[in-house]
């Protein structure tokens, strides 16, 4: 096997290429983290929205079935409002956490 001694210019070019490669890797890893946060945020927001929908579904069904029984409907309305408020606060928190800062 023949080995060739590298010139100073070739060594410098390799060092420059290595630094450029490291910069590209860092940029791509930041992009990956950004996309991961967006995906997780979207999943959590979807879960909160689904929770709101389930709470309201029960309220609407019971309200339609029993117009005379106000105590059950009122308790379900209170539960639905509470779940909605908690979910909206959770959505706002997650949205703020996931928000991309201008670079």
PDB file of N, CA and C in Angstrom:
ATOM      1  N   UNK A   1       0.834  -1.163   0.000  1.00  0.00           N
ATOM      2  CA  UNK A   1       0.000   0.000   0.000  1.00  0.00           C
ATOM      3  C   UNK A   1       0.889   1.240   0.000  1.00  0.00           C
ATOM      4  N   UNK A   2       0.556   2.155  -0.860  1.00  0.00           N
ATOM      5  CA  UNK A   2       1.334   3.384  -0.970  1.00  0.00           C
ATOM      6  C   UNK A   2       0.641   4.456  -0.152  1.00  0.00           C
ATOM      7  N   UNK A   3       1.399   5.096   0.706  1.00  0.00           N
ATOM      8  CA  UNK A   3       0.842   6.193   1.481  1.00  0.00           C
ATOM      9  C   UNK A   3       1.397   7.496   0.962  1.00  0.00           C
ATOM     10  N   UNK A   4       0.551   8.484   0.973  1.00  0.00           N
ATOM     11  CA  UNK A   4       0.946   9.789   0.468  1.00  0.00           C
ATOM     12  C   UNK A   4       0.894  10.771   1.616  1.00  0.00           C
ATOM     13  N   UNK A   5       1.911  11.552   1.740  1.00  0.00           N
ATOM     14  CA  UNK A   5       1.944  12.562   2.773  1.00  0.00           C
ATOM     15  C   UNK A   5       1.129  13.755   2.282  1.00  0.00           C
ATOM     16  N   UNK A   6       0.222  14.212   3.132  1.00  0.00           N
ATOM     17  CA  UNK A   6      -0.643  15.328   2.764  1.00  0.00           C
ATOM     18  C   UNK A   6       0.102  16.649   2.897  1.00  0.00           C
ATOM     19  N   UNK A   7      -0.233  17.540   2.004  1.00  0.00           N
ATOM     20  CA  UNK A   7       0.362  18.871   2.069  1.00  0.00           C
ATOM     21  C   UNK A   7      -0.398  19.699   3.102  1.00  0.00           C
ATOM     22  N   UNK A   8       0.168  20.810   3.474  1.00  0.00           N
ATOM     23  CA  UNK A   8      -0.454  21.705   4.452  1.00  0.00           C
ATOM     24  C   UNK A   8      -1.810  22.198   3.940  1.00  0.00           C
ATOM     25  N   UNK A   9      -1.904  22.453   2.638  1.00  0.00           N
ATOM     26  CA  UNK A   9      -3.156  22.922   2.038  1.00  0.00           C
ATOM     27  C   UNK A   9      -4.231  21.839   2.128  1.00  0.00           C
ATOM     28  N   UNK A  10      -3.855  20.604   1.861  1.00  0.00           N
ATOM     29  CA  UNK A  10      -4.807  19.508   1.930  1.00  0.00           C
ATOM     30  C   UNK A  10      -5.300  19.283   3.362  1.00  0.00           C
ATOM     31  N   UNK A  11      -4.375  19.379   4.308  1.00  0.00           N
ATOM     32  CA  UNK A  11      -4.741  19.232   5.721  1.00  0.00           C
ATOM     33  C   UNK A  11      -5.702  20.342   6.130  1.00  0.00           C
ATOM     34  N   UNK A  12      -5.416  21.560   5.714  1.00  0.00           N
ATOM     35  CA  UNK A  12      -6.282  22.707   6.039  1.00  0.00           C
ATOM     36  C   UNK A  12      -7.674  22.535   5.409  1.00  0.00           C
ATOM     37  N   UNK A  13      -7.706  22.027   4.183  1.00  0.00           N
ATOM     38  CA  UNK A  13      -8.992  21.795   3.514  1.00  0.00           C
ATOM     39  C   UNK A  13      -9.797  20.733   4.260  1.00  0.00           C
ATOM     40  N   UNK A  14      -9.135  19.680   4.725  1.00  0.00           N
ATOM     41  CA  UNK A  14      -9.824  18.651   5.493  1.00  0.00           C
ATOM     42  C   UNK A  14     -10.400  19.219   6.792  1.00  0.00           C
ATOM     43  N   UNK A  15      -9.629  20.082   7.459  1.00  0.00           N
ATOM     44  CA  UNK A  15     -10.107  20.705   8.697  1.00  0.00           C
ATOM     45  C   UNK A  15     -11.323  21.592   8.416  1.00  0.00           C
ATOM     46  N   UNK A  16     -11.270  22.341   7.319  1.00  0.00           N
ATOM     47  CA  UNK A  16     -12.383  23.212   6.940  1.00  0.00           C
ATOM     48  C   UNK A  16     -13.618  22.379   6.610  1.00  0.00           C
ATOM     49  N   UNK A  17     -13.413  21.293   5.869  1.00  0.00           N
ATOM     50  CA  UNK A  17     -14.528  20.408   5.524  1.00  0.00           C
ATOM     51  C   UNK A  17     -15.148  19.802   6.788  1.00  0.00           C
ATOM     52  N   UNK A  18     -14.289  19.439   7.736  1.00  0.00           N
ATOM     53  CA  UNK A  18     -14.777  18.855   8.981  1.00  0.00           C
ATOM     54  C   UNK A  18     -15.628  19.862   9.745  1.00  0.00           C
ATOM     55  N   UNK A  19     -15.176  21.116   9.819  1.00  0.00           N
ATOM     56  CA  UNK A  19     -15.935  22.158  10.521  1.00  0.00           C
ATOM     57  C   UNK A  19     -17.280  22.408   9.831  1.00  0.00           C
ATOM     58  N   UNK A  20     -17.257  22.416   8.508  1.00  0.00           N
ATOM     59  CA  UNK A  20     -18.503  22.625   7.749  1.00  0.00           C
ATOM     60  C   UNK A  20     -19.480  21.475   7.988  1.00  0.00           C
ATOM     61  N   UNK A  21     -18.966  20.271   8.021  1.00  0.00           N
ATOM     62  CA  UNK A  21     -19.798  19.104   8.285  1.00  0.00           C
ATOM     63  C   UNK A  21     -20.398  19.177   9.691  1.00  0.00           C
ATOM     64  N   UNK A  22     -19.617  19.597  10.651  1.00  0.00           N
ATOM     65  CA  UNK A  22     -20.122  19.737  12.019  1.00  0.00           C
ATOM     66  C   UNK A  22     -21.234  20.789  12.085  1.00  0.00           C
ATOM     67  N   UNK A  23     -21.079  21.890  11.361  1.00  0.00           N
ATOM     68  CA  UNK A  23     -22.113  22.924  11.319  1.00  0.00           C
ATOM     69  C   UNK A  23     -23.400  22.371  10.712  1.00  0.00           C
ATOM     70  N   UNK A  24     -23.276  21.603   9.654  1.00  0.00           N
ATOM     71  CA  UNK A  24     -24.456  21.026   9.003  1.00  0.00           C
ATOM     72  C   UNK A  24     -25.163  20.044   9.936  1.00  0.00           C
ATOM     73  N   UNK A  25     -24.398  19.255  10.669  1.00  0.00           N
ATOM     74  CA  UNK A  25     -24.982  18.296  11.603  1.00  0.00           C
ATOM     75  C   UNK A  25     -25.743  19.032  12.704  1.00  0.00           C
ATOM     76  N   UNK A  26     -25.159  20.101  13.244  1.00  0.00           N
ATOM     77  CA  UNK A  26     -25.834  20.876  14.282  1.00  0.00           C
ATOM     78  C   UNK A  26     -27.117  21.494  13.751  1.00  0.00           C
ATOM     79  N   UNK A  27     -27.068  22.036  12.547  1.00  0.00           N
ATOM     80  CA  UNK A  27     -28.253  22.658  11.954  1.00  0.00           C
ATOM     81  C   UNK A  27     -29.356  21.629  11.754  1.00  0.00           C
ATOM     82  N   UNK A  28     -29.003  20.455  11.284  1.00  0.00           N
ATOM     83  CA  UNK A  28     -30.018  19.411  11.061  1.00  0.00           C
ATOM     84  C   UNK A  28     -30.571  18.879  12.369  1.00  0.00           C
ATOM     85  N   UNK A  29     -29.728  18.790  13.396  1.00  0.00           N
ATOM     86  CA  UNK A  29     -30.240  18.309  14.677  1.00  0.00           C
ATOM     87  C   UNK A  29     -31.184  19.332  15.295  1.00  0.00           C
ATOM     88  N   UNK A  30     -30.906  20.627  15.119  1.00  0.00           N
ATOM     89  CA  UNK A  30     -31.830  21.662  15.595  1.00  0.00           C
ATOM     90  C   UNK A  30     -33.153  21.562  14.849  1.00  0.00           C
ATOM     91  N   UNK A  31     -33.078  21.305  13.567  1.00  0.00           N
ATOM     92  CA  UNK A  31     -34.285  21.150  12.763  1.00  0.00           C
ATOM     93  C   UNK A  31     -35.094  19.942  13.241  1.00  0.00           C
ATOM     94  N   UNK A  32     -34.408  18.863  13.557  1.00  0.00           N
ATOM     95  CA  UNK A  32     -35.080  17.658  14.050  1.00  0.00           C
ATOM     96  C   UNK A  32     -35.782  17.949  15.365  1.00  0.00           C
ATOM     97  N   UNK A  33     -35.099  18.623  16.296  1.00  0.00           N
ATOM     98  CA  UNK A  33     -35.698  18.954  17.593  1.00  0.00           C
ATOM     99  C   UNK A  33     -36.925  19.846  17.392  1.00  0.00           C
ATOM    100  N   UNK A  34     -36.809  20.797  16.495  1.00  0.00           N
ATOM    101  CA  UNK A  34     -37.924  21.706  16.197  1.00  0.00           C
ATOM    102  C   UNK A  34     -39.125  20.914  15.671  1.00  0.00           C
ATOM    103  N   UNK A  35     -38.910  20.054  14.727  1.00  0.00           N
ATOM    104  CA  UNK A  35     -39.998  19.261  14.149  1.00  0.00           C
ATOM    105  C   UNK A  35     -40.585  18.300  15.179  1.00  0.00           C
ATOM    106  N   UNK A  36     -39.739  17.742  16.029  1.00  0.00           N
ATOM    107  CA  UNK A  36     -40.210  16.834  17.074  1.00  0.00           C
ATOM    108  C   UNK A  36     -41.124  17.574  18.041  1.00  0.00           C
ATOM    109  N   UNK A  37     -40.710  18.775  18.465  1.00  0.00           N
ATOM    110  CA  UNK A  37     -41.537  19.578  19.366  1.00  0.00           C
ATOM    111  C   UNK A  37     -42.875  19.928  18.718  1.00  0.00           C
ATOM    112  N   UNK A  38     -42.839  20.275  17.438  1.00  0.00           N
ATOM    113  CA  UNK A  38     -44.080  20.591  16.745  1.00  0.00           C
ATOM    114  C   UNK A  38     -45.013  19.387  16.738  1.00  0.00           C
ATOM    115  N   UNK A  39     -44.478  18.222  16.464  1.00  0.00           N
ATOM    116  CA  UNK A  39     -45.293  17.013  16.408  1.00  0.00           C
ATOM    117  C   UNK A  39     -45.866  16.661  17.782  1.00  0.00           C
ATOM    118  N   UNK A  40     -45.046  16.753  18.814  1.00  0.00           N
ATOM    119  CA  UNK A  40     -45.519  16.452  20.167  1.00  0.00           C
ATOM    120  C   UNK A  40     -46.571  17.469  20.589  1.00  0.00           C
ATOM    121  N   UNK A  41     -46.325  18.734  20.285  1.00  0.00           N
ATOM    122  CA  UNK A  41     -47.298  19.778  20.618  1.00  0.00           C
ATOM    123  C   UNK A  41     -48.627  19.546  19.928  1.00  0.00           C
ATOM    124  N   UNK A  42     -48.576  19.189  18.671  1.00  0.00           N
ATOM    125  CA  UNK A  42     -49.808  18.919  17.929  1.00  0.00           C
ATOM    126  C   UNK A  42     -50.550  17.728  18.522  1.00  0.00           C
ATOM    127  N   UNK A  43     -49.820  16.712  18.930  1.00  0.00           N
ATOM    128  CA  UNK A  43     -50.454  15.530  19.521  1.00  0.00           C
ATOM    129  C   UNK A  43     -51.119  15.870  20.853  1.00  0.00           C
ATOM    130  N   UNK A  44     -50.454  16.675  21.667  1.00  0.00           N
ATOM    131  CA  UNK A  44     -51.020  17.049  22.969  1.00  0.00           C
ATOM    132  C   UNK A  44     -52.239  17.942  22.783  1.00  0.00           C
ATOM    133  N   UNK A  45     -52.153  18.885  21.864  1.00  0.00           N
ATOM    134  CA  UNK A  45     -53.301  19.757  21.585  1.00  0.00           C
ATOM    135  C   UNK A  45     -54.477  18.922  21.078  1.00  0.00           C
ATOM    136  N   UNK A  46     -54.203  17.959  20.233  1.00  0.00           N
ATOM    137  CA  UNK A  46     -55.258  17.086  19.733  1.00  0.00           C
ATOM    138  C   UNK A  46     -55.888  16.287  20.872  1.00  0.00           C
ATOM    139  N   UNK A  47     -55.081  15.849  21.805  1.00  0.00           N
ATOM    140  CA  UNK A  47     -55.607  15.094  22.950  1.00  0.00           C
ATOM    141  C   UNK A  47     -56.528  15.976  23.794  1.00  0.00           C
ATOM    142  N   UNK A  48     -56.123  17.227  24.031  1.00  0.00           N
ATOM    143  CA  UNK A  48     -56.984  18.139  24.780  1.00  0.00           C
ATOM    144  C   UNK A  48     -58.288  18.411  24.022  1.00  0.00           C
ATOM    145  N   UNK A  49     -58.193  18.605  22.736  1.00  0.00           N
ATOM    146  CA  UNK A  49     -59.398  18.850  21.935  1.00  0.00           C
ATOM    147  C   UNK A  49     -60.324  17.636  21.982  1.00  0.00           C
ATOM    148  N   UNK A  50     -59.760  16.451  21.934  1.00  0.00           N
ATOM    149  CA  UNK A  50     -60.561  15.231  22.018  1.00  0.00           C
ATOM    150  C   UNK A  50     -61.229  15.130  23.378  1.00  0.00           C
ATOM    151  N   UNK A  51     -60.515  15.502  24.427  1.00  0.00           N
ATOM    152  CA  UNK A  51     -61.073  15.485  25.775  1.00  0.00           C
ATOM    153  C   UNK A  51     -62.250  16.446  25.890  1.00  0.00           C
ATOM    154  N   UNK A  52     -62.117  17.634  25.325  1.00  0.00           N
ATOM    155  CA  UNK A  52     -63.212  18.601  25.316  1.00  0.00           C
ATOM    156  C   UNK A  52     -64.423  18.011  24.581  1.00  0.00           C
ATOM    157  N   UNK A  53     -64.166  17.418  23.436  1.00  0.00           N
ATOM    158  CA  UNK A  53     -65.255  16.839  22.642  1.00  0.00           C
ATOM    159  C   UNK A  53     -65.973  15.731  23.409  1.00  0.00           C
ATOM    160  N   UNK A  54     -65.223  14.885  24.097  1.00  0.00           N
ATOM    161  CA  UNK A  54     -65.859  13.816  24.873  1.00  0.00           C
ATOM    162  C   UNK A  54     -66.706  14.376  26.009  1.00  0.00           C
ATOM    163  N   UNK A  55     -66.215  15.398  26.685  1.00  0.00           N
ATOM    164  CA  UNK A  55     -66.970  15.995  27.787  1.00  0.00           C
ATOM    165  C   UNK A  55     -68.274  16.602  27.281  1.00  0.00           C
ATOM    166  N   UNK A  56     -68.208  17.312  26.190  1.00  0.00           N
ATOM    167  CA  UNK A  56     -69.409  17.939  25.638  1.00  0.00           C
ATOM    168  C   UNK A  56     -70.354  16.911  25.036  1.00  0.00           C
ATOM    169  N   UNK A  57     -69.854  15.835  24.526  1.00  0.00           N
ATOM    170  CA  UNK A  57     -70.716  14.793  23.955  1.00  0.00           C
ATOM    171  C   UNK A  57     -71.651  14.258  25.015  1.00  0.00           C
ATOM    172  N   UNK A  58     -71.113  13.925  26.188  1.00  0.00           N
ATOM    173  CA  UNK A  58     -71.944  13.401  27.271  1.00  0.00           C
ATOM    174  C   UNK A  58     -72.991  14.420  27.711  1.00  0.00           C
ATOM    175  N   UNK A  59     -72.606  15.675  27.800  1.00  0.00           N
ATOM    176  CA  UNK A  59     -73.535  16.721  28.215  1.00  0.00           C
ATOM    177  C   UNK A  59     -74.674  16.856  27.211  1.00  0.00           C
ATOM    178  N   UNK A  60     -74.341  16.906  25.958  1.00  0.00           N
ATOM    179  CA  UNK A  60     -75.360  17.081  24.918  1.00  0.00           C
ATOM    180  C   UNK A  60     -76.310  15.884  24.874  1.00  0.00           C
ATOM    181  N   UNK A  61     -75.774  14.693  24.976  1.00  0.00           N
ATOM    182  CA  UNK A  61     -76.618  13.492  24.953  1.00  0.00           C
ATOM    183  C   UNK A  61     -77.572  13.473  26.151  1.00  0.00           C
ATOM    184  N   UNK A  62     -77.058  13.731  27.335  1.00  0.00           N
ATOM    185  CA  UNK A  62     -77.926  13.719  28.516  1.00  0.00           C
ATOM    186  C   UNK A  62     -78.935  14.846  28.485  1.00  0.00           C
ATOM    187  N   UNK A  63     -78.546  15.971  27.984  1.00  0.00           N
ATOM    188  CA  UNK A  63     -79.474  17.098  27.883  1.00  0.00           C
ATOM    189  C   UNK A  63     -80.607  16.765  26.920  1.00  0.00           C
ATOM    190  N   UNK A  64     -80.279  16.142  25.826  1.00  0.00           N
ATOM    191  CA  UNK A  64     -81.308  15.779  24.847  1.00  0.00           C
ATOM    192  C   UNK A  64     -82.212  14.672  25.371  1.00  0.00           C
ATOM    193  N   UNK A  65     -81.669  13.739  26.134  1.00  0.00           N
ATOM    194  CA  UNK A  65     -82.467  12.613  26.632  1.00  0.00           C
ATOM    195  C   UNK A  65     -83.387  12.990  27.784  1.00  0.00           C
ATOM    196  N   UNK A  66     -82.919  13.861  28.618  1.00  0.00           N
ATOM    197  CA  UNK A  66     -83.734  14.167  29.806  1.00  0.00           C
ATOM    198  C   UNK A  66     -83.848  15.673  30.010  1.00  0.00           C
ATOM    199  N   UNK A  67     -84.905  16.236  29.473  1.00  0.00           N
ATOM    200  CA  UNK A  67     -85.153  17.668  29.635  1.00  0.00           C
ATOM    201  C   UNK A  67     -85.729  17.958  31.022  1.00  0.00           C
ATOM    202  N   UNK A  68     -86.207  16.953  31.710  1.00  0.00           N
ATOM    203  CA  UNK A  68     -86.831  17.165  33.016  1.00  0.00           C
ATOM    204  C   UNK A  68     -85.839  17.047  34.165  1.00  0.00           C
ATOM    205  N   UNK A  69     -84.802  16.318  34.030  1.00  0.00           N
ATOM    206  CA  UNK A  69     -83.835  16.092  35.100  1.00  0.00           C
ATOM    207  C   UNK A  69     -82.711  17.115  35.008  1.00  0.00           C
ATOM    208  N   UNK A  70     -82.888  18.236  35.673  1.00  0.00           N
ATOM    209  CA  UNK A  70     -81.899  19.304  35.582  1.00  0.00           C
ATOM    210  C   UNK A  70     -80.651  19.048  36.417  1.00  0.00           C
ATOM    211  N   UNK A  71     -80.755  18.288  37.484  1.00  0.00           N
ATOM    212  CA  UNK A  71     -79.585  18.101  38.346  1.00  0.00           C
ATOM    213  C   UNK A  71     -78.455  17.353  37.633  1.00  0.00           C
ATOM    214  N   UNK A  72     -78.771  16.318  36.873  1.00  0.00           N
ATOM    215  CA  UNK A  72     -77.732  15.589  36.136  1.00  0.00           C
ATOM    216  C   UNK A  72     -77.125  16.461  35.047  1.00  0.00           C
ATOM    217  N   UNK A  73     -77.984  17.178  34.352  1.00  0.00           N
ATOM    218  CA  UNK A  73     -77.500  18.028  33.267  1.00  0.00           C
ATOM    219  C   UNK A  73     -76.637  19.151  33.827  1.00  0.00           C
ATOM    220  N   UNK A  74     -77.084  19.755  34.914  1.00  0.00           N
ATOM    221  CA  UNK A  74     -76.298  20.834  35.502  1.00  0.00           C
ATOM    222  C   UNK A  74     -74.935  20.336  35.969  1.00  0.00           C
ATOM    223  N   UNK A  75     -74.897  19.178  36.581  1.00  0.00           N
ATOM    224  CA  UNK A  75     -73.598  18.655  37.026  1.00  0.00           C
ATOM    225  C   UNK A  75     -72.703  18.328  35.833  1.00  0.00           C
ATOM    226  N   UNK A  76     -73.292  17.803  34.763  1.00  0.00           N
ATOM    227  CA  UNK A  76     -72.494  17.530  33.566  1.00  0.00           C
ATOM    228  C   UNK A  76     -72.031  18.815  32.891  1.00  0.00           C
ATOM    229  N   UNK A  77     -72.870  19.844  32.908  1.00  0.00           N
ATOM    230  CA  UNK A  77     -72.448  21.139  32.349  1.00  0.00           C
ATOM    231  C   UNK A  77     -71.262  21.705  33.128  1.00  0.00           C
ATOM    232  N   UNK A  78     -71.340  21.630  34.438  1.00  0.00           N
ATOM    233  CA  UNK A  78     -70.234  22.124  35.263  1.00  0.00           C
ATOM    234  C   UNK A  78     -68.967  21.330  34.969  1.00  0.00           C
ATOM    235  N   UNK A  79     -69.098  20.020  34.860  1.00  0.00           N
ATOM    236  CA  UNK A  79     -67.943  19.183  34.526  1.00  0.00           C
ATOM    237  C   UNK A  79     -67.379  19.537  33.156  1.00  0.00           C
ATOM    238  N   UNK A  80     -68.262  19.718  32.187  1.00  0.00           N
ATOM    239  CA  UNK A  80     -67.802  20.058  30.839  1.00  0.00           C
ATOM    240  C   UNK A  80     -67.094  21.403  30.814  1.00  0.00           C
ATOM    241  N   UNK A  81     -67.642  22.399  31.518  1.00  0.00           N
ATOM    242  CA  UNK A  81     -66.984  23.706  31.568  1.00  0.00           C
ATOM    243  C   UNK A  81     -65.609  23.599  32.226  1.00  0.00           C
ATOM    244  N   UNK A  82     -65.521  22.838  33.314  1.00  0.00           N
ATOM    245  CA  UNK A  82     -64.242  22.662  33.995  1.00  0.00           C
ATOM    246  C   UNK A  82     -63.216  21.989  33.087  1.00  0.00           C
ATOM    247  N   UNK A  83     -63.630  20.918  32.423  1.00  0.00           N
ATOM    248  CA  UNK A  83     -62.727  20.209  31.513  1.00  0.00           C
ATOM    249  C   UNK A  83     -62.305  21.125  30.371  1.00  0.00           C
ATOM    250  N   UNK A  84     -63.243  21.921  29.863  1.00  0.00           N
ATOM    251  CA  UNK A  84     -62.930  22.852  28.779  1.00  0.00           C
ATOM    252  C   UNK A  84     -61.901  23.882  29.221  1.00  0.00           C
ATOM    253  N   UNK A  85     -62.103  24.463  30.379  1.00  0.00           N
ATOM    254  CA  UNK A  85     -61.168  25.483  30.876  1.00  0.00           C
ATOM    255  C   UNK A  85     -59.780  24.883  31.077  1.00  0.00           C
ATOM    256  N   UNK A  86     -59.709  23.720  31.711  1.00  0.00           N
ATOM    257  CA  UNK A  86     -58.410  23.073  31.929  1.00  0.00           C
ATOM    258  C   UNK A  86     -57.740  22.752  30.595  1.00  0.00           C
ATOM    259  N   UNK A  87     -58.511  22.267  29.643  1.00  0.00           N
ATOM    260  CA  UNK A  87     -57.953  21.900  28.343  1.00  0.00           C
ATOM    261  C   UNK A  87     -57.477  23.119  27.570  1.00  0.00           C
ATOM    262  N   UNK A  88     -58.244  24.201  27.611  1.00  0.00           N
ATOM    263  CA  UNK A  88     -57.827  25.425  26.905  1.00  0.00           C
ATOM    264  C   UNK A  88     -56.543  25.980  27.519  1.00  0.00           C
ATOM    265  N   UNK A  89     -56.452  25.976  28.836  1.00  0.00           N
ATOM    266  CA  UNK A  89     -55.216  26.430  29.488  1.00  0.00           C
ATOM    267  C   UNK A  89     -54.048  25.523  29.080  1.00  0.00           C
ATOM    268  N   UNK A  90     -54.300  24.225  29.029  1.00  0.00           N
ATOM    269  CA  UNK A  90     -53.253  23.294  28.591  1.00  0.00           C
ATOM    270  C   UNK A  90     -52.834  23.547  27.153  1.00  0.00           C
ATOM    271  N   UNK A  91     -53.810  23.811  26.281  1.00  0.00           N
ATOM    272  CA  UNK A  91     -53.496  24.113  24.886  1.00  0.00           C
ATOM    273  C   UNK A  91     -52.670  25.391  24.789  1.00  0.00           C
ATOM    274  N   UNK A  92     -53.049  26.411  25.553  1.00  0.00           N
ATOM    275  CA  UNK A  92     -52.293  27.677  25.523  1.00  0.00           C
ATOM    276  C   UNK A  92     -50.867  27.457  26.012  1.00  0.00           C
ATOM    277  N   UNK A  93     -50.706  26.674  27.078  1.00  0.00           N
ATOM    278  CA  UNK A  93     -49.371  26.405  27.613  1.00  0.00           C
ATOM    279  C   UNK A  93     -48.515  25.663  26.598  1.00  0.00           C
ATOM    280  N   UNK A  94     -49.065  24.612  26.019  1.00  0.00           N
ATOM    281  CA  UNK A  94     -48.311  23.818  25.044  1.00  0.00           C
ATOM    282  C   UNK A  94     -47.981  24.655  23.820  1.00  0.00           C
ATOM    283  N   UNK A  95     -48.936  25.461  23.356  1.00  0.00           N
ATOM    284  CA  UNK A  95     -48.695  26.305  22.194  1.00  0.00           C
ATOM    285  C   UNK A  95     -47.551  27.282  22.464  1.00  0.00           C
ATOM    286  N   UNK A  96     -47.520  27.838  23.653  1.00  0.00           N
ATOM    287  CA  UNK A  96     -46.449  28.769  23.999  1.00  0.00           C
ATOM    288  C   UNK A  96     -45.108  28.035  24.102  1.00  0.00           C
ATOM    289  N   UNK A  97     -45.100  26.835  24.642  1.00  0.00           N
ATOM    290  CA  UNK A  97     -43.872  26.054  24.785  1.00  0.00           C
ATOM    291  C   UNK A  97     -43.303  25.658  23.422  1.00  0.00           C
ATOM    292  N   UNK A  98     -44.188  25.318  22.520  1.00  0.00           N
ATOM    293  CA  UNK A  98     -43.771  24.827  21.213  1.00  0.00           C
ATOM    294  C   UNK A  98     -43.475  25.972  20.250  1.00  0.00           C
ATOM    295  N   UNK A  99     -43.920  27.173  20.582  1.00  0.00           N
ATOM    296  CA  UNK A  99     -43.759  28.306  19.674  1.00  0.00           C
ATOM    297  C   UNK A  99     -42.302  28.493  19.273  1.00  0.00           C
ATOM    298  N   UNK A 100     -42.084  28.778  17.999  1.00  0.00           N
ATOM    299  CA  UNK A 100     -40.746  28.942  17.454  1.00  0.00           C
ATOM    300  C   UNK A 100     -40.321  30.399  17.656  1.00  0.00           C
ATOM    301  N   UNK A 101     -39.150  30.560  18.224  1.00  0.00           N
ATOM    302  CA  UNK A 101     -38.616  31.895  18.398  1.00  0.00           C
ATOM    303  C   UNK A 101     -37.974  32.370  17.103  1.00  0.00           C
ATOM    304  N   UNK A 102     -38.198  33.641  16.773  1.00  0.00           N
ATOM    305  CA  UNK A 102     -37.607  34.186  15.538  1.00  0.00           C
ATOM    306  C   UNK A 102     -36.094  34.221  15.678  1.00  0.00           C
ATOM    307  N   UNK A 103     -35.442  33.723  14.669  1.00  0.00           N
ATOM    308  CA  UNK A 103     -33.960  33.671  14.716  1.00  0.00           C
ATOM    309  C   UNK A 103     -33.363  34.797  13.916  1.00  0.00           C
TER     310      UNK A 103
END
